Structure formats: C-alpha cells, structure tokens
Amino acid sequence: MLTKVTLPAVFNYPQYLDFVRALVKEGRTSGDDQSREMVYYTGLNLVRMERIKKTFSFTEELSQAVRSLNGEYRFVVLTEAWCGDAAQAIPVLGAMEELAEGKIELQFLLRDENPELMNQFLTNGGRSIPKLIIYKGNNEFVASWGPRPKALQDYMVFLKNLDVPMELSQMIEKMQLWYAKDRTLSVQHELAVLLSDLT
C-alpha cells in the first residue's frame, strides 16, 4: 500500500481554477486529447465549478465531520480539466479546505502527468477520476474516494450494460442531469462518512 507521495506540478485550489480558466480562454484542455469535444467539456466544467463554488451550502453532516477532524491532512486530487465528475466534487473539496482552517491542505495533480500514482488507485482496472487520496501527517496514506458517488456509479454501470449501447455523449448528459438534481448531497454524504472514519 502506498505510504508516501512525491507531488510534482502541484496546484492549490485557486491555482487549479485559474489553470482551467486559462485553458478555456485559450480554447484548450489538459492532457493530450485536444479534440473539440474535450475542449467543449472543459468550458462546461468551468461554468459548473464556478456555479457550485458560488452557491454551495454545507450539509450539517459534512460540516460537523470537517470541524471534528483531529490532526492535519493532505488531500491530493488526481484530475483533468475535461472531467465532468471532477467539476462536481472539486468545489466541495475547496469549501472543505476553507472550513477546516488549516486541518486540510488541498492539492491537485493532473492524472496523465502522474501515471505512477494514478495506477495505484484504479477503479475496476480503469484510471477513473477524480480520485481523492488522503494523507495524514508525514504523508501517511489513510483513505481514498472517487471517482463519483456510489449511486451514480451504479447508474452508469446500468447504462453501460443496456442491450442497446448508449452513446458516450448521452451518458455524460444523463450523468450531469443526475448531479444537477442531487445538488452535491451525495458527494457531501460520502465525504462526511469518509472523514468520520478518520477520527
């Protein structure tokens, strides 16, 4: 099991948002795939992150879990600018860092630039993101989460296994509709449970 991590090319939360803003302004995205679709998703994700950041409200469950943390933690997030799941979780993590008042240090790494770390946290054999990796104290690995809430993960598996295959664009649209209706509640619940297990 991974106990230590080297963190090259690390972004904090404001730096990551600025990075995505710059990509959108330049008509680009992160990673090697600079297709029209990936650039388009990056623009949508910036809008989503900005909206959630502006309107976010803590559940009592997550607020209490953050305030009850014992010790200091490093939250390392593997992500890419085009990832729709990441856009839904990142503003929640940013709000958690602020509420934690020094108990959480939030850092972002690009998945494709950190394959060695990513390959230690695969989901069903895939390099799914976002992946939150939590370290305590001197880089002691304690937990991980991602790429999405379990209910949505189960829904996506269901869609993938339909008799008539669904286009990727249709699946992404259904996923984002799910997130819109959920309003970060599932992400908040799962993160609250994760933090509660740390204390």
N, C-alpha and C. Protein backbone atom coordinates (compact mmCIF):
# COMPACT_ATOMS: atom_id res chain seq x y z
N MET A 1 0.85 -1.21 0.00
CA MET A 1 0.00 0.00 0.00
C MET A 1 0.88 1.26 0.00
N LEU A 2 0.44 2.24 -0.76
CA LEU A 2 1.20 3.49 -0.87
C LEU A 2 1.22 4.23 0.47
N THR A 3 2.39 4.63 0.90
CA THR A 3 2.50 5.39 2.15
C THR A 3 3.05 6.78 1.93
N LYS A 4 3.76 6.98 0.84
CA LYS A 4 4.34 8.30 0.58
C LYS A 4 4.09 8.71 -0.86
N VAL A 5 4.10 10.00 -1.11
CA VAL A 5 3.86 10.50 -2.45
C VAL A 5 4.75 11.70 -2.71
N THR A 6 5.30 11.75 -3.90
CA THR A 6 6.02 12.92 -4.36
C THR A 6 5.05 13.75 -5.20
N LEU A 7 5.01 15.04 -4.97
CA LEU A 7 3.98 15.87 -5.59
C LEU A 7 4.58 16.90 -6.55
N PRO A 8 4.87 16.49 -7.78
CA PRO A 8 5.37 17.46 -8.76
C PRO A 8 4.22 18.22 -9.40
N ALA A 9 4.48 19.44 -9.84
CA ALA A 9 3.48 20.24 -10.57
C ALA A 9 2.15 20.28 -9.83
N VAL A 10 2.19 20.70 -8.58
CA VAL A 10 1.01 20.70 -7.73
C VAL A 10 0.28 22.04 -7.83
N PHE A 11 -1.06 21.96 -7.92
CA PHE A 11 -1.89 23.16 -7.87
C PHE A 11 -2.63 23.20 -6.53
N ASN A 12 -2.76 24.39 -5.93
CA ASN A 12 -3.74 24.53 -4.86
C ASN A 12 -5.08 24.86 -5.51
N TYR A 13 -6.12 25.04 -4.70
CA TYR A 13 -7.46 25.22 -5.26
C TYR A 13 -7.57 26.47 -6.15
N PRO A 14 -7.17 27.65 -5.66
CA PRO A 14 -7.24 28.83 -6.55
C PRO A 14 -6.40 28.68 -7.80
N GLN A 15 -5.22 28.07 -7.68
CA GLN A 15 -4.36 27.88 -8.84
C GLN A 15 -5.00 26.93 -9.85
N TYR A 16 -5.68 25.90 -9.37
CA TYR A 16 -6.32 24.97 -10.28
C TYR A 16 -7.45 25.65 -11.05
N LEU A 17 -8.26 26.45 -10.34
CA LEU A 17 -9.33 27.18 -11.03
C LEU A 17 -8.74 28.14 -12.07
N ASP A 18 -7.67 28.82 -11.71
CA ASP A 18 -7.03 29.74 -12.67
C ASP A 18 -6.48 28.97 -13.87
N PHE A 19 -5.95 27.78 -13.62
CA PHE A 19 -5.42 26.93 -14.69
C PHE A 19 -6.53 26.57 -15.68
N VAL A 20 -7.70 26.17 -15.17
CA VAL A 20 -8.81 25.80 -16.04
C VAL A 20 -9.34 27.03 -16.77
N ARG A 21 -9.41 28.17 -16.09
CA ARG A 21 -9.84 29.42 -16.74
C ARG A 21 -8.91 29.76 -17.91
N ALA A 22 -7.61 29.60 -17.70
CA ALA A 22 -6.65 29.92 -18.76
C ALA A 22 -6.81 28.97 -19.95
N LEU A 23 -7.06 27.69 -19.66
CA LEU A 23 -7.28 26.72 -20.74
C LEU A 23 -8.50 27.10 -21.57
N VAL A 24 -9.57 27.47 -20.89
CA VAL A 24 -10.80 27.83 -21.59
C VAL A 24 -10.57 29.07 -22.45
N LYS A 25 -9.87 30.04 -21.89
CA LYS A 25 -9.59 31.27 -22.64
C LYS A 25 -8.78 30.98 -23.89
N GLU A 26 -7.89 29.97 -23.80
CA GLU A 26 -7.03 29.62 -24.93
C GLU A 26 -7.68 28.62 -25.88
N GLY A 27 -8.88 28.13 -25.52
CA GLY A 27 -9.54 27.13 -26.35
C GLY A 27 -8.85 25.78 -26.30
N ARG A 28 -8.34 25.44 -25.12
CA ARG A 28 -7.61 24.19 -24.94
C ARG A 28 -8.17 23.44 -23.74
N THR A 29 -7.59 22.25 -23.50
CA THR A 29 -7.89 21.49 -22.30
C THR A 29 -6.60 20.87 -21.79
N SER A 30 -6.65 20.16 -20.70
CA SER A 30 -5.46 19.47 -20.20
C SER A 30 -5.32 18.12 -20.89
N GLY A 31 -4.13 17.56 -20.86
CA GLY A 31 -3.91 16.25 -21.47
C GLY A 31 -3.63 16.33 -22.96
N ASP A 32 -3.41 15.16 -23.55
CA ASP A 32 -3.03 15.08 -24.96
C ASP A 32 -4.22 15.22 -25.90
N ASP A 33 -5.40 14.84 -25.47
CA ASP A 33 -6.58 14.87 -26.33
C ASP A 33 -7.14 16.29 -26.38
N GLN A 34 -6.83 16.99 -27.45
CA GLN A 34 -7.28 18.37 -27.61
C GLN A 34 -8.46 18.45 -28.61
N SER A 35 -9.26 17.40 -28.62
CA SER A 35 -10.40 17.35 -29.53
C SER A 35 -11.43 18.42 -29.17
N ARG A 36 -12.30 18.71 -30.13
CA ARG A 36 -13.35 19.71 -29.92
C ARG A 36 -14.22 19.34 -28.73
N GLU A 37 -14.52 18.04 -28.59
CA GLU A 37 -15.37 17.58 -27.50
C GLU A 37 -14.73 17.84 -26.14
N MET A 38 -13.45 17.52 -26.02
CA MET A 38 -12.76 17.69 -24.73
C MET A 38 -12.65 19.17 -24.37
N VAL A 39 -12.38 20.00 -25.34
CA VAL A 39 -12.32 21.44 -25.10
C VAL A 39 -13.69 21.96 -24.69
N TYR A 40 -14.74 21.47 -25.33
CA TYR A 40 -16.11 21.85 -25.00
C TYR A 40 -16.46 21.46 -23.57
N TYR A 41 -16.12 20.22 -23.18
CA TYR A 41 -16.40 19.77 -21.82
C TYR A 41 -15.65 20.61 -20.79
N THR A 42 -14.45 21.04 -21.13
CA THR A 42 -13.67 21.86 -20.21
C THR A 42 -14.37 23.18 -19.94
N GLY A 43 -14.92 23.79 -20.98
CA GLY A 43 -15.68 25.02 -20.80
C GLY A 43 -16.91 24.82 -19.93
N LEU A 44 -17.63 23.73 -20.17
CA LEU A 44 -18.80 23.42 -19.34
C LEU A 44 -18.39 23.20 -17.88
N ASN A 45 -17.29 22.51 -17.69
CA ASN A 45 -16.84 22.22 -16.33
C ASN A 45 -16.47 23.48 -15.57
N LEU A 46 -15.87 24.44 -16.25
CA LEU A 46 -15.54 25.70 -15.59
C LEU A 46 -16.82 26.39 -15.12
N VAL A 47 -17.83 26.42 -15.97
CA VAL A 47 -19.12 27.01 -15.59
C VAL A 47 -19.70 26.28 -14.39
N ARG A 48 -19.64 24.96 -14.40
CA ARG A 48 -20.17 24.16 -13.28
C ARG A 48 -19.42 24.45 -11.99
N MET A 49 -18.10 24.46 -12.06
CA MET A 49 -17.31 24.71 -10.85
C MET A 49 -17.59 26.10 -10.28
N GLU A 50 -17.66 27.09 -11.15
CA GLU A 50 -17.93 28.46 -10.70
C GLU A 50 -19.32 28.56 -10.07
N ARG A 51 -20.29 27.87 -10.67
CA ARG A 51 -21.65 27.92 -10.13
C ARG A 51 -21.75 27.25 -8.77
N ILE A 52 -21.16 26.05 -8.66
CA ILE A 52 -21.20 25.33 -7.39
C ILE A 52 -20.44 26.11 -6.32
N LYS A 53 -19.29 26.66 -6.68
CA LYS A 53 -18.49 27.45 -5.74
C LYS A 53 -19.30 28.62 -5.19
N LYS A 54 -20.11 29.24 -6.05
CA LYS A 54 -20.88 30.41 -5.66
C LYS A 54 -22.10 30.04 -4.81
N THR A 55 -22.72 28.90 -5.09
CA THR A 55 -24.00 28.56 -4.46
C THR A 55 -23.88 27.47 -3.39
N PHE A 56 -22.68 26.96 -3.16
CA PHE A 56 -22.51 25.80 -2.29
C PHE A 56 -22.96 26.07 -0.86
N SER A 57 -23.63 25.08 -0.28
CA SER A 57 -24.04 25.14 1.12
C SER A 57 -23.76 23.80 1.77
N PHE A 58 -23.06 23.82 2.90
CA PHE A 58 -22.73 22.59 3.61
C PHE A 58 -23.96 21.91 4.19
N THR A 59 -23.98 20.58 4.14
CA THR A 59 -24.91 19.83 4.97
C THR A 59 -24.37 19.85 6.39
N GLU A 60 -25.24 19.68 7.35
CA GLU A 60 -24.80 19.63 8.74
C GLU A 60 -23.84 18.46 8.95
N GLU A 61 -24.10 17.36 8.27
CA GLU A 61 -23.28 16.16 8.40
C GLU A 61 -21.83 16.42 7.99
N LEU A 62 -21.64 17.03 6.82
CA LEU A 62 -20.28 17.28 6.35
C LEU A 62 -19.61 18.39 7.15
N SER A 63 -20.34 19.42 7.48
CA SER A 63 -19.79 20.50 8.29
C SER A 63 -19.25 19.96 9.61
N GLN A 64 -20.03 19.12 10.27
CA GLN A 64 -19.61 18.55 11.54
C GLN A 64 -18.40 17.65 11.36
N ALA A 65 -18.37 16.87 10.28
CA ALA A 65 -17.25 15.96 10.05
C ALA A 65 -15.95 16.73 9.83
N VAL A 66 -16.03 17.84 9.09
CA VAL A 66 -14.84 18.65 8.84
C VAL A 66 -14.36 19.30 10.14
N ARG A 67 -15.28 19.87 10.89
CA ARG A 67 -14.92 20.54 12.15
C ARG A 67 -14.37 19.58 13.19
N SER A 68 -14.72 18.30 13.08
CA SER A 68 -14.31 17.30 14.07
C SER A 68 -12.99 16.62 13.74
N LEU A 69 -12.37 17.01 12.63
CA LEU A 69 -11.11 16.37 12.26
C LEU A 69 -10.05 16.55 13.34
N ASN A 70 -9.34 15.47 13.61
CA ASN A 70 -8.21 15.51 14.54
C ASN A 70 -6.93 15.39 13.73
N GLY A 71 -6.04 16.34 13.88
CA GLY A 71 -4.79 16.30 13.13
C GLY A 71 -4.89 17.04 11.81
N GLU A 72 -3.80 16.99 11.06
CA GLU A 72 -3.73 17.69 9.78
C GLU A 72 -3.65 16.68 8.65
N TYR A 73 -4.35 16.98 7.56
CA TYR A 73 -4.46 16.05 6.44
C TYR A 73 -4.10 16.74 5.13
N ARG A 74 -3.55 15.96 4.22
CA ARG A 74 -3.29 16.43 2.86
C ARG A 74 -4.24 15.69 1.93
N PHE A 75 -5.06 16.47 1.23
CA PHE A 75 -6.00 15.91 0.26
C PHE A 75 -5.40 16.10 -1.14
N VAL A 76 -4.98 15.01 -1.76
CA VAL A 76 -4.41 15.05 -3.10
C VAL A 76 -5.48 14.57 -4.08
N VAL A 77 -5.78 15.39 -5.08
CA VAL A 77 -6.82 15.06 -6.05
C VAL A 77 -6.19 14.88 -7.43
N LEU A 78 -6.36 13.69 -7.98
CA LEU A 78 -5.96 13.44 -9.36
C LEU A 78 -7.13 13.81 -10.26
N THR A 79 -6.88 14.65 -11.26
CA THR A 79 -7.97 15.18 -12.07
C THR A 79 -7.47 15.59 -13.44
N GLU A 80 -8.40 16.02 -14.30
CA GLU A 80 -8.10 16.66 -15.57
C GLU A 80 -9.21 17.69 -15.81
N ALA A 81 -8.90 18.71 -16.58
CA ALA A 81 -9.86 19.81 -16.77
C ALA A 81 -11.13 19.38 -17.49
N TRP A 82 -11.06 18.34 -18.31
CA TRP A 82 -12.22 17.90 -19.09
C TRP A 82 -13.17 16.98 -18.33
N CYS A 83 -12.81 16.61 -17.10
CA CYS A 83 -13.56 15.60 -16.35
C CYS A 83 -14.81 16.19 -15.69
N GLY A 84 -15.99 15.72 -16.12
CA GLY A 84 -17.24 16.22 -15.58
C GLY A 84 -17.47 15.85 -14.13
N ASP A 85 -17.07 14.64 -13.72
CA ASP A 85 -17.21 14.25 -12.31
C ASP A 85 -16.36 15.14 -11.42
N ALA A 86 -15.16 15.47 -11.87
CA ALA A 86 -14.28 16.32 -11.07
C ALA A 86 -14.89 17.69 -10.85
N ALA A 87 -15.53 18.23 -11.87
CA ALA A 87 -16.13 19.56 -11.74
C ALA A 87 -17.19 19.60 -10.66
N GLN A 88 -17.83 18.47 -10.38
CA GLN A 88 -18.87 18.42 -9.35
C GLN A 88 -18.29 18.29 -7.94
N ALA A 89 -17.14 17.64 -7.82
CA ALA A 89 -16.57 17.38 -6.50
C ALA A 89 -15.57 18.43 -6.04
N ILE A 90 -14.85 19.03 -6.98
CA ILE A 90 -13.76 19.95 -6.61
C ILE A 90 -14.23 21.16 -5.80
N PRO A 91 -15.35 21.82 -6.15
CA PRO A 91 -15.78 22.95 -5.32
C PRO A 91 -16.16 22.54 -3.89
N VAL A 92 -16.66 21.32 -3.74
CA VAL A 92 -16.98 20.81 -2.41
C VAL A 92 -15.70 20.67 -1.60
N LEU A 93 -14.68 20.10 -2.21
CA LEU A 93 -13.39 19.94 -1.53
C LEU A 93 -12.77 21.29 -1.20
N GLY A 94 -12.92 22.26 -2.11
CA GLY A 94 -12.40 23.60 -1.83
C GLY A 94 -13.07 24.23 -0.64
N ALA A 95 -14.39 24.06 -0.53
CA ALA A 95 -15.11 24.60 0.62
C ALA A 95 -14.70 23.89 1.91
N MET A 96 -14.44 22.60 1.81
CA MET A 96 -14.00 21.84 2.98
C MET A 96 -12.66 22.35 3.48
N GLU A 97 -11.74 22.62 2.57
CA GLU A 97 -10.43 23.13 2.98
C GLU A 97 -10.57 24.45 3.73
N GLU A 98 -11.42 25.32 3.23
CA GLU A 98 -11.62 26.62 3.89
C GLU A 98 -12.22 26.45 5.27
N LEU A 99 -13.22 25.58 5.38
CA LEU A 99 -13.88 25.37 6.67
C LEU A 99 -12.93 24.73 7.68
N ALA A 100 -12.02 23.90 7.19
CA ALA A 100 -11.13 23.14 8.09
C ALA A 100 -10.11 24.02 8.79
N GLU A 101 -9.89 25.23 8.32
CA GLU A 101 -9.00 26.19 8.98
C GLU A 101 -7.62 25.59 9.28
N GLY A 102 -6.98 25.05 8.26
CA GLY A 102 -5.62 24.55 8.41
C GLY A 102 -5.49 23.06 8.61
N LYS A 103 -6.59 22.37 8.88
CA LYS A 103 -6.53 20.92 9.09
C LYS A 103 -6.48 20.15 7.76
N ILE A 104 -6.87 20.81 6.67
CA ILE A 104 -6.83 20.20 5.34
C ILE A 104 -5.99 21.06 4.42
N GLU A 105 -5.04 20.43 3.74
CA GLU A 105 -4.29 21.08 2.67
C GLU A 105 -4.70 20.40 1.37
N LEU A 106 -5.35 21.13 0.49
CA LEU A 106 -5.89 20.58 -0.75
C LEU A 106 -4.93 20.82 -1.90
N GLN A 107 -4.59 19.73 -2.62
CA GLN A 107 -3.64 19.83 -3.72
C GLN A 107 -4.17 19.04 -4.92
N PHE A 108 -3.86 19.53 -6.13
CA PHE A 108 -4.33 18.91 -7.35
C PHE A 108 -3.16 18.50 -8.23
N LEU A 109 -3.27 17.29 -8.79
CA LEU A 109 -2.31 16.78 -9.75
C LEU A 109 -3.07 16.36 -11.00
N LEU A 110 -2.46 16.54 -12.16
CA LEU A 110 -3.08 16.08 -13.39
C LEU A 110 -2.83 14.58 -13.56
N ARG A 111 -3.89 13.86 -13.83
CA ARG A 111 -3.81 12.41 -13.92
C ARG A 111 -2.76 11.94 -14.92
N ASP A 112 -2.79 12.51 -16.13
CA ASP A 112 -1.93 11.99 -17.19
C ASP A 112 -0.46 12.32 -16.99
N GLU A 113 -0.17 13.25 -16.10
CA GLU A 113 1.22 13.56 -15.79
C GLU A 113 1.73 12.78 -14.58
N ASN A 114 0.85 11.99 -13.97
CA ASN A 114 1.21 11.24 -12.76
C ASN A 114 0.70 9.81 -12.83
N PRO A 115 1.11 9.05 -13.88
CA PRO A 115 0.58 7.70 -14.05
C PRO A 115 0.97 6.73 -12.93
N GLU A 116 2.15 6.93 -12.36
CA GLU A 116 2.58 6.01 -11.31
C GLU A 116 1.65 6.09 -10.10
N LEU A 117 1.27 7.30 -9.72
CA LEU A 117 0.34 7.46 -8.60
C LEU A 117 -1.05 6.99 -9.00
N MET A 118 -1.51 7.39 -10.19
CA MET A 118 -2.84 7.01 -10.64
C MET A 118 -3.02 5.50 -10.68
N ASN A 119 -1.99 4.79 -11.12
CA ASN A 119 -2.10 3.34 -11.26
C ASN A 119 -2.22 2.61 -9.94
N GLN A 120 -1.99 3.32 -8.84
CA GLN A 120 -2.17 2.71 -7.52
C GLN A 120 -3.60 2.91 -7.00
N PHE A 121 -4.40 3.65 -7.75
CA PHE A 121 -5.76 3.95 -7.30
C PHE A 121 -6.77 3.77 -8.44
N LEU A 122 -6.68 2.64 -9.11
CA LEU A 122 -7.57 2.36 -10.23
C LEU A 122 -8.98 2.01 -9.72
N THR A 123 -9.97 2.25 -10.58
CA THR A 123 -11.35 1.87 -10.28
C THR A 123 -11.77 0.81 -11.29
N ASN A 124 -11.98 -0.41 -10.82
CA ASN A 124 -12.31 -1.53 -11.71
C ASN A 124 -11.32 -1.64 -12.86
N GLY A 125 -10.05 -1.39 -12.55
CA GLY A 125 -8.99 -1.50 -13.54
C GLY A 125 -8.80 -0.27 -14.41
N GLY A 126 -9.64 0.75 -14.23
CA GLY A 126 -9.57 1.96 -15.06
C GLY A 126 -9.01 3.15 -14.30
N ARG A 127 -8.50 4.12 -15.04
CA ARG A 127 -7.89 5.31 -14.44
C ARG A 127 -8.94 6.41 -14.28
N SER A 128 -10.01 6.08 -13.58
CA SER A 128 -11.14 6.99 -13.43
C SER A 128 -10.81 8.12 -12.46
N ILE A 129 -11.27 9.31 -12.81
CA ILE A 129 -11.05 10.50 -11.99
C ILE A 129 -12.36 11.25 -11.82
N PRO A 130 -12.44 12.09 -10.79
CA PRO A 130 -11.37 12.45 -9.86
C PRO A 130 -11.10 11.32 -8.87
N LYS A 131 -9.90 11.29 -8.35
CA LYS A 131 -9.55 10.38 -7.29
C LYS A 131 -8.94 11.20 -6.15
N LEU A 132 -9.61 11.18 -5.03
CA LEU A 132 -9.12 11.86 -3.83
C LEU A 132 -8.31 10.88 -3.01
N ILE A 133 -7.08 11.26 -2.69
CA ILE A 133 -6.18 10.44 -1.88
C ILE A 133 -5.84 11.24 -0.63
N ILE A 134 -6.10 10.68 0.53
CA ILE A 134 -5.92 11.41 1.78
C ILE A 134 -4.72 10.88 2.55
N TYR A 135 -3.86 11.83 2.94
CA TYR A 135 -2.68 11.51 3.74
C TYR A 135 -2.77 12.26 5.07
N LYS A 136 -2.25 11.64 6.10
CA LYS A 136 -2.21 12.28 7.41
C LYS A 136 -0.77 12.50 7.82
N GLY A 137 -0.52 13.64 8.46
CA GLY A 137 0.82 13.91 8.99
C GLY A 137 1.88 13.86 7.91
N ASN A 138 2.88 13.04 8.12
CA ASN A 138 4.03 12.95 7.22
C ASN A 138 3.76 11.98 6.08
N ASN A 139 2.74 12.32 5.24
CA ASN A 139 2.41 11.53 4.05
C ASN A 139 2.04 10.08 4.34
N GLU A 140 1.31 9.86 5.43
CA GLU A 140 0.80 8.52 5.72
C GLU A 140 -0.56 8.35 5.04
N PHE A 141 -0.66 7.43 4.09
CA PHE A 141 -1.92 7.20 3.39
C PHE A 141 -2.97 6.67 4.35
N VAL A 142 -4.17 7.29 4.32
CA VAL A 142 -5.23 6.83 5.21
C VAL A 142 -6.54 6.50 4.51
N ALA A 143 -6.81 7.07 3.33
CA ALA A 143 -8.09 6.80 2.68
C ALA A 143 -8.09 7.35 1.26
N SER A 144 -9.07 6.88 0.47
CA SER A 144 -9.27 7.43 -0.87
C SER A 144 -10.75 7.42 -1.20
N TRP A 145 -11.12 8.24 -2.17
CA TRP A 145 -12.51 8.34 -2.62
C TRP A 145 -12.55 8.71 -4.09
N GLY A 146 -13.59 8.27 -4.78
CA GLY A 146 -13.80 8.65 -6.17
C GLY A 146 -13.97 7.42 -7.04
N PRO A 147 -14.36 7.66 -8.28
CA PRO A 147 -14.46 8.95 -8.98
C PRO A 147 -15.81 9.67 -8.83
N ARG A 148 -16.81 8.95 -8.29
CA ARG A 148 -18.15 9.57 -8.20
C ARG A 148 -18.94 8.86 -7.09
N PRO A 149 -20.05 9.45 -6.65
CA PRO A 149 -20.87 8.80 -5.62
C PRO A 149 -21.33 7.41 -6.07
N LYS A 150 -21.49 6.51 -5.11
CA LYS A 150 -21.84 5.12 -5.43
C LYS A 150 -23.14 5.02 -6.21
N ALA A 151 -24.13 5.80 -5.85
CA ALA A 151 -25.42 5.73 -6.54
C ALA A 151 -25.26 6.06 -8.02
N LEU A 152 -24.44 7.06 -8.32
CA LEU A 152 -24.21 7.43 -9.71
C LEU A 152 -23.34 6.39 -10.41
N GLN A 153 -22.36 5.85 -9.70
CA GLN A 153 -21.52 4.79 -10.27
C GLN A 153 -22.39 3.60 -10.68
N ASP A 154 -23.31 3.22 -9.81
CA ASP A 154 -24.21 2.10 -10.12
C ASP A 154 -25.09 2.43 -11.33
N TYR A 155 -25.55 3.67 -11.41
CA TYR A 155 -26.38 4.11 -12.53
C TYR A 155 -25.59 4.07 -13.84
N MET A 156 -24.33 4.51 -13.81
CA MET A 156 -23.50 4.49 -15.01
C MET A 156 -23.23 3.05 -15.46
N VAL A 157 -23.01 2.13 -14.52
CA VAL A 157 -22.82 0.72 -14.87
C VAL A 157 -24.08 0.18 -15.54
N PHE A 158 -25.25 0.55 -14.99
CA PHE A 158 -26.52 0.13 -15.59
C PHE A 158 -26.64 0.63 -17.02
N LEU A 159 -26.31 1.89 -17.25
CA LEU A 159 -26.41 2.45 -18.60
C LEU A 159 -25.45 1.76 -19.57
N LYS A 160 -24.27 1.43 -19.08
CA LYS A 160 -23.28 0.78 -19.94
C LYS A 160 -23.71 -0.62 -20.34
N ASN A 161 -24.53 -1.24 -19.50
CA ASN A 161 -24.92 -2.63 -19.74
C ASN A 161 -26.29 -2.77 -20.41
N LEU A 162 -26.85 -1.68 -20.91
CA LEU A 162 -28.11 -1.76 -21.63
C LEU A 162 -27.96 -2.59 -22.90
N ASP A 163 -29.04 -3.24 -23.31
CA ASP A 163 -29.00 -4.07 -24.52
C ASP A 163 -28.62 -3.24 -25.75
N VAL A 164 -29.14 -2.01 -25.79
CA VAL A 164 -28.79 -1.09 -26.87
C VAL A 164 -27.74 -0.11 -26.32
N PRO A 165 -26.50 -0.20 -26.78
CA PRO A 165 -25.44 0.67 -26.24
C PRO A 165 -25.80 2.15 -26.38
N MET A 166 -25.46 2.91 -25.35
CA MET A 166 -25.74 4.34 -25.34
C MET A 166 -24.50 5.12 -25.75
N GLU A 167 -24.70 6.14 -26.56
CA GLU A 167 -23.58 6.98 -26.96
C GLU A 167 -22.96 7.64 -25.73
N LEU A 168 -21.64 7.85 -25.77
CA LEU A 168 -20.94 8.46 -24.65
C LEU A 168 -21.52 9.83 -24.32
N SER A 169 -21.84 10.61 -25.34
CA SER A 169 -22.40 11.95 -25.10
C SER A 169 -23.73 11.87 -24.36
N GLN A 170 -24.52 10.84 -24.66
CA GLN A 170 -25.80 10.66 -23.97
C GLN A 170 -25.58 10.28 -22.51
N MET A 171 -24.60 9.43 -22.26
CA MET A 171 -24.29 9.02 -20.89
C MET A 171 -23.81 10.22 -20.08
N ILE A 172 -22.97 11.05 -20.69
CA ILE A 172 -22.46 12.22 -19.99
C ILE A 172 -23.62 13.18 -19.65
N GLU A 173 -24.54 13.33 -20.59
CA GLU A 173 -25.70 14.20 -20.34
C GLU A 173 -26.54 13.67 -19.19
N LYS A 174 -26.78 12.37 -19.15
CA LYS A 174 -27.56 11.77 -18.06
C LYS A 174 -26.84 11.91 -16.72
N MET A 175 -25.52 11.76 -16.76
CA MET A 175 -24.72 11.92 -15.54
C MET A 175 -24.84 13.33 -14.99
N GLN A 176 -24.76 14.33 -15.86
CA GLN A 176 -24.83 15.70 -15.40
C GLN A 176 -26.24 16.07 -14.91
N LEU A 177 -27.27 15.47 -15.52
CA LEU A 177 -28.63 15.68 -15.02
C LEU A 177 -28.76 15.10 -13.61
N TRP A 178 -28.13 13.95 -13.39
CA TRP A 178 -28.15 13.34 -12.06
C TRP A 178 -27.50 14.28 -11.04
N TYR A 179 -26.34 14.81 -11.39
CA TYR A 179 -25.66 15.74 -10.49
C TYR A 179 -26.50 16.99 -10.23
N ALA A 180 -27.16 17.50 -11.25
CA ALA A 180 -27.97 18.72 -11.09
C ALA A 180 -29.10 18.49 -10.10
N LYS A 181 -29.72 17.32 -10.17
CA LYS A 181 -30.82 17.01 -9.25
C LYS A 181 -30.30 16.74 -7.84
N ASP A 182 -29.12 16.15 -7.75
CA ASP A 182 -28.56 15.77 -6.45
C ASP A 182 -28.01 16.96 -5.67
N ARG A 183 -27.56 18.00 -6.36
CA ARG A 183 -27.07 19.23 -5.71
C ARG A 183 -25.95 18.98 -4.68
N THR A 184 -25.03 18.16 -5.02
CA THR A 184 -23.83 17.81 -4.23
C THR A 184 -24.13 17.00 -2.97
N LEU A 185 -25.38 16.64 -2.73
CA LEU A 185 -25.72 15.97 -1.47
C LEU A 185 -25.05 14.61 -1.33
N SER A 186 -24.98 13.84 -2.41
CA SER A 186 -24.35 12.52 -2.33
C SER A 186 -22.84 12.64 -2.14
N VAL A 187 -22.22 13.57 -2.84
CA VAL A 187 -20.79 13.81 -2.65
C VAL A 187 -20.53 14.22 -1.20
N GLN A 188 -21.34 15.11 -0.68
CA GLN A 188 -21.14 15.57 0.70
C GLN A 188 -21.32 14.43 1.69
N HIS A 189 -22.33 13.60 1.47
CA HIS A 189 -22.57 12.48 2.39
C HIS A 189 -21.40 11.51 2.40
N GLU A 190 -20.92 11.13 1.22
CA GLU A 190 -19.84 10.16 1.16
C GLU A 190 -18.54 10.72 1.75
N LEU A 191 -18.27 12.00 1.51
CA LEU A 191 -17.09 12.61 2.11
C LEU A 191 -17.21 12.72 3.63
N ALA A 192 -18.41 13.00 4.10
CA ALA A 192 -18.64 13.06 5.55
C ALA A 192 -18.37 11.71 6.20
N VAL A 193 -18.86 10.64 5.59
CA VAL A 193 -18.61 9.30 6.11
C VAL A 193 -17.11 8.98 6.09
N LEU A 194 -16.45 9.38 5.00
CA LEU A 194 -15.01 9.15 4.88
C LEU A 194 -14.25 9.86 6.00
N LEU A 195 -14.59 11.12 6.24
CA LEU A 195 -13.90 11.88 7.29
C LEU A 195 -14.21 11.33 8.66
N SER A 196 -15.43 10.91 8.88
CA SER A 196 -15.81 10.35 10.19
C SER A 196 -15.00 9.11 10.52
N ASP A 197 -14.65 8.35 9.49
CA ASP A 197 -13.84 7.14 9.71
C ASP A 197 -12.39 7.48 10.04
N LEU A 198 -11.97 8.73 9.78
CA LEU A 198 -10.60 9.11 10.06
C LEU A 198 -10.40 9.47 11.53
N THR A 199 -11.48 9.87 12.19
CA THR A 199 -11.34 10.38 13.57
C THR A 199 -11.59 9.33 14.61
